[in-house]
Amino acid sequence: MRPALALELNDAQRLLAAAAAEAHRDGSHVAVAVVDGGGRLIAFQRLDGASAAAADAAIAKARMAAL
């Protein structure tokens, strides 16, 4: 069993900011989701130009990665 990671909102916001900065450098239009160890959404950001499907995909990928 993997140990549970405790992320707080401030941590999640820093992750979103880092992901957004990287996407801007690459010229990417992405959606980013941060979840806790149980796959529950903590924070989400959809950058300008990202598709609606990217939002659903980001959340699903984050949940699957956590579980």
PDB file of N, CA and C in Angstrom:
ATOM      1  N   MET A   1       0.843  -1.184   0.000  1.00  0.00           N
ATOM      2  CA  MET A   1       0.000   0.000   0.000  1.00  0.00           C
ATOM      3  C   MET A   1       0.884   1.242   0.000  1.00  0.00           C
ATOM      4  N   ARG A   2       0.534   2.189  -0.870  1.00  0.00           N
ATOM      5  CA  ARG A   2       1.288   3.438  -0.932  1.00  0.00           C
ATOM      6  C   ARG A   2       0.864   4.359   0.212  1.00  0.00           C
ATOM      7  N   PRO A   3       1.808   5.114   0.770  1.00  0.00           N
ATOM      8  CA  PRO A   3       1.434   6.066   1.819  1.00  0.00           C
ATOM      9  C   PRO A   3       0.583   7.198   1.235  1.00  0.00           C
ATOM     10  N   ALA A   4      -0.353   7.685   2.030  1.00  0.00           N
ATOM     11  CA  ALA A   4      -1.219   8.787   1.592  1.00  0.00           C
ATOM     12  C   ALA A   4      -0.436  10.091   1.604  1.00  0.00           C
ATOM     13  N   LEU A   5      -0.608  10.873   0.550  1.00  0.00           N
ATOM     14  CA  LEU A   5       0.023  12.182   0.475  1.00  0.00           C
ATOM     15  C   LEU A   5      -1.002  13.234   0.852  1.00  0.00           C
ATOM     16  N   ALA A   6      -0.591  14.159   1.676  1.00  0.00           N
ATOM     17  CA  ALA A   6      -1.497  15.216   2.106  1.00  0.00           C
ATOM     18  C   ALA A   6      -1.162  16.503   1.350  1.00  0.00           C
ATOM     19  N   LEU A   7      -2.018  16.860   0.422  1.00  0.00           N
ATOM     20  CA  LEU A   7      -1.860  18.110  -0.309  1.00  0.00           C
ATOM     21  C   LEU A   7      -2.874  19.116   0.213  1.00  0.00           C
ATOM     22  N   GLU A   8      -2.428  20.316   0.391  1.00  0.00           N
ATOM     23  CA  GLU A   8      -3.326  21.391   0.778  1.00  0.00           C
ATOM     24  C   GLU A   8      -3.594  22.252  -0.449  1.00  0.00           C
ATOM     25  N   LEU A   9      -4.603  23.091  -0.373  1.00  0.00           N
ATOM     26  CA  LEU A   9      -4.974  23.931  -1.499  1.00  0.00           C
ATOM     27  C   LEU A   9      -3.802  24.773  -1.988  1.00  0.00           C
ATOM     28  N   ASN A  10      -3.023  25.299  -1.078  1.00  0.00           N
ATOM     29  CA  ASN A  10      -1.866  26.115  -1.455  1.00  0.00           C
ATOM     30  C   ASN A  10      -0.881  25.307  -2.295  1.00  0.00           C
ATOM     31  N   ASP A  11      -0.647  24.054  -1.911  1.00  0.00           N
ATOM     32  CA  ASP A  11       0.235  23.176  -2.687  1.00  0.00           C
ATOM     33  C   ASP A  11      -0.334  22.962  -4.091  1.00  0.00           C
ATOM     34  N   ALA A  12      -1.625  22.686  -4.162  1.00  0.00           N
ATOM     35  CA  ALA A  12      -2.282  22.428  -5.444  1.00  0.00           C
ATOM     36  C   ALA A  12      -2.217  23.660  -6.343  1.00  0.00           C
ATOM     37  N   GLN A  13      -2.386  24.836  -5.774  1.00  0.00           N
ATOM     38  CA  GLN A  13      -2.320  26.063  -6.565  1.00  0.00           C
ATOM     39  C   GLN A  13      -0.923  26.297  -7.123  1.00  0.00           C
ATOM     40  N   ARG A  14       0.098  25.944  -6.354  1.00  0.00           N
ATOM     41  CA  ARG A  14       1.476  26.062  -6.851  1.00  0.00           C
ATOM     42  C   ARG A  14       1.723  25.089  -8.004  1.00  0.00           C
ATOM     43  N   LEU A  15       1.171  23.887  -7.900  1.00  0.00           N
ATOM     44  CA  LEU A  15       1.291  22.921  -8.989  1.00  0.00           C
ATOM     45  C   LEU A  15       0.599  23.427 -10.249  1.00  0.00           C
ATOM     46  N   LEU A  16      -0.594  23.999 -10.087  1.00  0.00           N
ATOM     47  CA  LEU A  16      -1.306  24.553 -11.238  1.00  0.00           C
ATOM     48  C   LEU A  16      -0.502  25.673 -11.886  1.00  0.00           C
ATOM     49  N   ALA A  17       0.075  26.536 -11.075  1.00  0.00           N
ATOM     50  CA  ALA A  17       0.858  27.659 -11.606  1.00  0.00           C
ATOM     51  C   ALA A  17       2.078  27.151 -12.371  1.00  0.00           C
ATOM     52  N   ALA A  18       2.744  26.130 -11.853  1.00  0.00           N
ATOM     53  CA  ALA A  18       3.913  25.575 -12.533  1.00  0.00           C
ATOM     54  C   ALA A  18       3.513  24.926 -13.856  1.00  0.00           C
ATOM     55  N   ALA A  19       2.411  24.198 -13.850  1.00  0.00           N
ATOM     56  CA  ALA A  19       1.937  23.550 -15.075  1.00  0.00           C
ATOM     57  C   ALA A  19       1.531  24.596 -16.115  1.00  0.00           C
ATOM     58  N   ALA A  20       0.871  25.655 -15.673  1.00  0.00           N
ATOM     59  CA  ALA A  20       0.457  26.718 -16.590  1.00  0.00           C
ATOM     60  C   ALA A  20       1.672  27.424 -17.189  1.00  0.00           C
ATOM     61  N   ALA A  21       2.685  27.675 -16.379  1.00  0.00           N
ATOM     62  CA  ALA A  21       3.897  28.331 -16.871  1.00  0.00           C
ATOM     63  C   ALA A  21       4.581  27.468 -17.933  1.00  0.00           C
ATOM     64  N   GLU A  22       4.655  26.173 -17.697  1.00  0.00           N
ATOM     65  CA  GLU A  22       5.265  25.257 -18.664  1.00  0.00           C
ATOM     66  C   GLU A  22       4.445  25.210 -19.953  1.00  0.00           C
ATOM     67  N   ALA A  23       3.130  25.179 -19.825  1.00  0.00           N
ATOM     68  CA  ALA A  23       2.257  25.150 -21.004  1.00  0.00           C
ATOM     69  C   ALA A  23       2.414  26.431 -21.823  1.00  0.00           C
ATOM     70  N   HIS A  24       2.530  27.566 -21.153  1.00  0.00           N
ATOM     71  CA  HIS A  24       2.713  28.834 -21.865  1.00  0.00           C
ATOM     72  C   HIS A  24       4.042  28.849 -22.613  1.00  0.00           C
ATOM     73  N   ARG A  25       5.091  28.310 -21.995  1.00  0.00           N
ATOM     74  CA  ARG A  25       6.398  28.245 -22.668  1.00  0.00           C
ATOM     75  C   ARG A  25       6.322  27.382 -23.926  1.00  0.00           C
ATOM     76  N   ASP A  26       5.537  26.302 -23.841  1.00  0.00           N
ATOM     77  CA  ASP A  26       5.395  25.380 -24.975  1.00  0.00           C
ATOM     78  C   ASP A  26       4.342  25.833 -25.980  1.00  0.00           C
ATOM     79  N   GLY A  27       3.531  26.807 -25.607  1.00  0.00           N
ATOM     80  CA  GLY A  27       2.433  27.228 -26.465  1.00  0.00           C
ATOM     81  C   GLY A  27       1.272  26.241 -26.441  1.00  0.00           C
ATOM     82  N   SER A  28       1.181  25.467 -25.379  1.00  0.00           N
ATOM     83  CA  SER A  28       0.124  24.450 -25.253  1.00  0.00           C
ATOM     84  C   SER A  28      -1.131  25.038 -24.636  1.00  0.00           C
ATOM     85  N   HIS A  29      -2.258  24.447 -24.984  1.00  0.00           N
ATOM     86  CA  HIS A  29      -3.550  24.827 -24.408  1.00  0.00           C
ATOM     87  C   HIS A  29      -4.056  23.601 -23.662  1.00  0.00           C
ATOM     88  N   VAL A  30      -3.869  23.616 -22.353  1.00  0.00           N
ATOM     89  CA  VAL A  30      -4.142  22.414 -21.568  1.00  0.00           C
ATOM     90  C   VAL A  30      -5.100  22.696 -20.421  1.00  0.00           C
ATOM     91  N   ALA A  31      -5.579  21.621 -19.843  1.00  0.00           N
ATOM     92  CA  ALA A  31      -6.325  21.662 -18.592  1.00  0.00           C
ATOM     93  C   ALA A  31      -5.523  20.841 -17.590  1.00  0.00           C
ATOM     94  N   VAL A  32      -5.477  21.296 -16.361  1.00  0.00           N
ATOM     95  CA  VAL A  32      -4.683  20.632 -15.328  1.00  0.00           C
ATOM     96  C   VAL A  32      -5.561  20.390 -14.109  1.00  0.00           C
ATOM     97  N   ALA A  33      -5.490  19.171 -13.590  1.00  0.00           N
ATOM     98  CA  ALA A  33      -6.243  18.817 -12.389  1.00  0.00           C
ATOM     99  C   ALA A  33      -5.279  18.289 -11.339  1.00  0.00           C
ATOM    100  N   VAL A  34      -5.523  18.654 -10.091  1.00  0.00           N
ATOM    101  CA  VAL A  34      -4.748  18.142  -8.962  1.00  0.00           C
ATOM    102  C   VAL A  34      -5.734  17.450  -8.028  1.00  0.00           C
ATOM    103  N   VAL A  35      -5.427  16.203  -7.702  1.00  0.00           N
ATOM    104  CA  VAL A  35      -6.293  15.430  -6.814  1.00  0.00           C
ATOM    105  C   VAL A  35      -5.503  14.974  -5.596  1.00  0.00           C
ATOM    106  N   ASP A  36      -6.225  14.556  -4.563  1.00  0.00           N
ATOM    107  CA  ASP A  36      -5.559  14.010  -3.386  1.00  0.00           C
ATOM    108  C   ASP A  36      -5.285  12.526  -3.604  1.00  0.00           C
ATOM    109  N   GLY A  37      -4.743  11.866  -2.594  1.00  0.00           N
ATOM    110  CA  GLY A  37      -4.384  10.462  -2.698  1.00  0.00           C
ATOM    111  C   GLY A  37      -5.549   9.541  -2.975  1.00  0.00           C
ATOM    112  N   GLY A  38      -6.765   9.990  -2.686  1.00  0.00           N
ATOM    113  CA  GLY A  38      -7.959   9.196  -2.945  1.00  0.00           C
ATOM    114  C   GLY A  38      -8.617   9.531  -4.272  1.00  0.00           C
ATOM    115  N   GLY A  39      -7.983  10.403  -5.059  1.00  0.00           N
ATOM    116  CA  GLY A  39      -8.527  10.773  -6.360  1.00  0.00           C
ATOM    117  C   GLY A  39      -9.577  11.864  -6.326  1.00  0.00           C
ATOM    118  N   ARG A  40      -9.726  12.526  -5.191  1.00  0.00           N
ATOM    119  CA  ARG A  40     -10.705  13.608  -5.072  1.00  0.00           C
ATOM    120  C   ARG A  40     -10.073  14.936  -5.506  1.00  0.00           C
ATOM    121  N   LEU A  41     -10.812  15.666  -6.318  1.00  0.00           N
ATOM    122  CA  LEU A  41     -10.316  16.912  -6.900  1.00  0.00           C
ATOM    123  C   LEU A  41     -10.024  17.953  -5.827  1.00  0.00           C
ATOM    124  N   ILE A  42      -8.834  18.532  -5.899  1.00  0.00           N
ATOM    125  CA  ILE A  42      -8.452  19.632  -5.004  1.00  0.00           C
ATOM    126  C   ILE A  42      -8.485  20.948  -5.772  1.00  0.00           C
ATOM    127  N   ALA A  43      -7.903  20.943  -6.986  1.00  0.00           N
ATOM    128  CA  ALA A  43      -7.837  22.180  -7.771  1.00  0.00           C
ATOM    129  C   ALA A  43      -7.833  21.827  -9.253  1.00  0.00           C
ATOM    130  N   PHE A  44      -8.331  22.769 -10.044  1.00  0.00           N
ATOM    131  CA  PHE A  44      -8.429  22.558 -11.486  1.00  0.00           C
ATOM    132  C   PHE A  44      -8.249  23.889 -12.191  1.00  0.00           C
ATOM    133  N   GLN A  45      -7.599  23.830 -13.366  1.00  0.00           N
ATOM    134  CA  GLN A  45      -7.448  25.030 -14.179  1.00  0.00           C
ATOM    135  C   GLN A  45      -7.485  24.639 -15.650  1.00  0.00           C
ATOM    136  N   ARG A  46      -8.307  25.329 -16.420  1.00  0.00           N
ATOM    137  CA  ARG A  46      -8.370  25.127 -17.872  1.00  0.00           C
ATOM    138  C   ARG A  46      -7.851  26.401 -18.522  1.00  0.00           C
ATOM    139  N   LEU A  47      -6.740  26.281 -19.226  1.00  0.00           N
ATOM    140  CA  LEU A  47      -6.132  27.447 -19.849  1.00  0.00           C
ATOM    141  C   LEU A  47      -6.939  27.888 -21.067  1.00  0.00           C
ATOM    142  N   ASP A  48      -6.814  29.147 -21.405  1.00  0.00           N
ATOM    143  CA  ASP A  48      -7.483  29.673 -22.592  1.00  0.00           C
ATOM    144  C   ASP A  48      -7.084  28.836 -23.803  1.00  0.00           C
ATOM    145  N   GLY A  49      -8.064  28.478 -24.593  1.00  0.00           N
ATOM    146  CA  GLY A  49      -7.804  27.703 -25.794  1.00  0.00           C
ATOM    147  C   GLY A  49      -7.897  26.203 -25.602  1.00  0.00           C
ATOM    148  N   ALA A  50      -7.958  25.741 -24.369  1.00  0.00           N
ATOM    149  CA  ALA A  50      -8.089  24.302 -24.115  1.00  0.00           C
ATOM    150  C   ALA A  50      -9.530  23.878 -24.380  1.00  0.00           C
ATOM    151  N   SER A  51      -9.681  22.708 -24.939  1.00  0.00           N
ATOM    152  CA  SER A  51     -11.022  22.232 -25.279  1.00  0.00           C
ATOM    153  C   SER A  51     -11.780  21.786 -24.026  1.00  0.00           C
ATOM    154  N   ALA A  52     -13.089  21.703 -24.175  1.00  0.00           N
ATOM    155  CA  ALA A  52     -13.919  21.201 -23.074  1.00  0.00           C
ATOM    156  C   ALA A  52     -13.560  19.757 -22.750  1.00  0.00           C
ATOM    157  N   ALA A  53     -13.239  18.985 -23.776  1.00  0.00           N
ATOM    158  CA  ALA A  53     -12.858  17.588 -23.555  1.00  0.00           C
ATOM    159  C   ALA A  53     -11.564  17.490 -22.751  1.00  0.00           C
ATOM    160  N   ALA A  54     -10.675  18.471 -22.905  1.00  0.00           N
ATOM    161  CA  ALA A  54      -9.421  18.468 -22.149  1.00  0.00           C
ATOM    162  C   ALA A  54      -9.691  18.561 -20.652  1.00  0.00           C
ATOM    163  N   ALA A  55     -10.741  19.261 -20.279  1.00  0.00           N
ATOM    164  CA  ALA A  55     -11.092  19.390 -18.860  1.00  0.00           C
ATOM    165  C   ALA A  55     -11.457  18.035 -18.274  1.00  0.00           C
ATOM    166  N   ASP A  56     -12.342  17.325 -18.946  1.00  0.00           N
ATOM    167  CA  ASP A  56     -12.742  16.000 -18.467  1.00  0.00           C
ATOM    168  C   ASP A  56     -11.565  15.039 -18.452  1.00  0.00           C
ATOM    169  N   ALA A  57     -10.752  15.102 -19.490  1.00  0.00           N
ATOM    170  CA  ALA A  57      -9.598  14.207 -19.583  1.00  0.00           C
ATOM    171  C   ALA A  57      -8.590  14.472 -18.470  1.00  0.00           C
ATOM    172  N   ALA A  58      -8.339  15.731 -18.155  1.00  0.00           N
ATOM    173  CA  ALA A  58      -7.368  16.073 -17.111  1.00  0.00           C
ATOM    174  C   ALA A  58      -7.805  15.526 -15.760  1.00  0.00           C
ATOM    175  N   ILE A  59      -9.079  15.665 -15.452  1.00  0.00           N
ATOM    176  CA  ILE A  59      -9.586  15.175 -14.175  1.00  0.00           C
ATOM    177  C   ILE A  59      -9.518  13.651 -14.129  1.00  0.00           C
ATOM    178  N   ALA A  60      -9.920  13.001 -15.211  1.00  0.00           N
ATOM    179  CA  ALA A  60      -9.886  11.538 -15.255  1.00  0.00           C
ATOM    180  C   ALA A  60      -8.456  11.016 -15.134  1.00  0.00           C
ATOM    181  N   LYS A  61      -7.511  11.650 -15.823  1.00  0.00           N
ATOM    182  CA  LYS A  61      -6.121  11.211 -15.766  1.00  0.00           C
ATOM    183  C   LYS A  61      -5.551  11.390 -14.356  1.00  0.00           C
ATOM    184  N   ALA A  62      -5.868  12.509 -13.726  1.00  0.00           N
ATOM    185  CA  ALA A  62      -5.369  12.749 -12.374  1.00  0.00           C
ATOM    186  C   ALA A  62      -5.929  11.719 -11.399  1.00  0.00           C
ATOM    187  N   ARG A  63      -7.214  11.412 -11.540  1.00  0.00           N
ATOM    188  CA  ARG A  63      -7.826  10.405 -10.647  1.00  0.00           C
ATOM    189  C   ARG A  63      -7.184   9.045 -10.847  1.00  0.00           C
ATOM    190  N   MET A  64      -6.996   8.656 -12.097  1.00  0.00           N
ATOM    191  CA  MET A  64      -6.392   7.348 -12.372  1.00  0.00           C
ATOM    192  C   MET A  64      -4.959   7.267 -11.860  1.00  0.00           C
ATOM    193  N   ALA A  65      -4.220   8.359 -11.972  1.00  0.00           N
ATOM    194  CA  ALA A  65      -2.845   8.379 -11.496  1.00  0.00           C
ATOM    195  C   ALA A  65      -2.787   8.221  -9.972  1.00  0.00           C
ATOM    196  N   ALA A  66      -3.783   8.774  -9.290  1.00  0.00           N
ATOM    197  CA  ALA A  66      -3.802   8.702  -7.826  1.00  0.00           C
ATOM    198  C   ALA A  66      -4.192   7.311  -7.333  1.00  0.00           C
ATOM    199  N   LEU A  67      -4.989   6.624  -8.109  1.00  0.00           N
ATOM    200  CA  LEU A  67      -5.479   5.322  -7.674  1.00  0.00           C
ATOM    201  C   LEU A  67      -4.602   4.252  -8.248  1.00  0.00           C
TER     202      LEU A  67
END
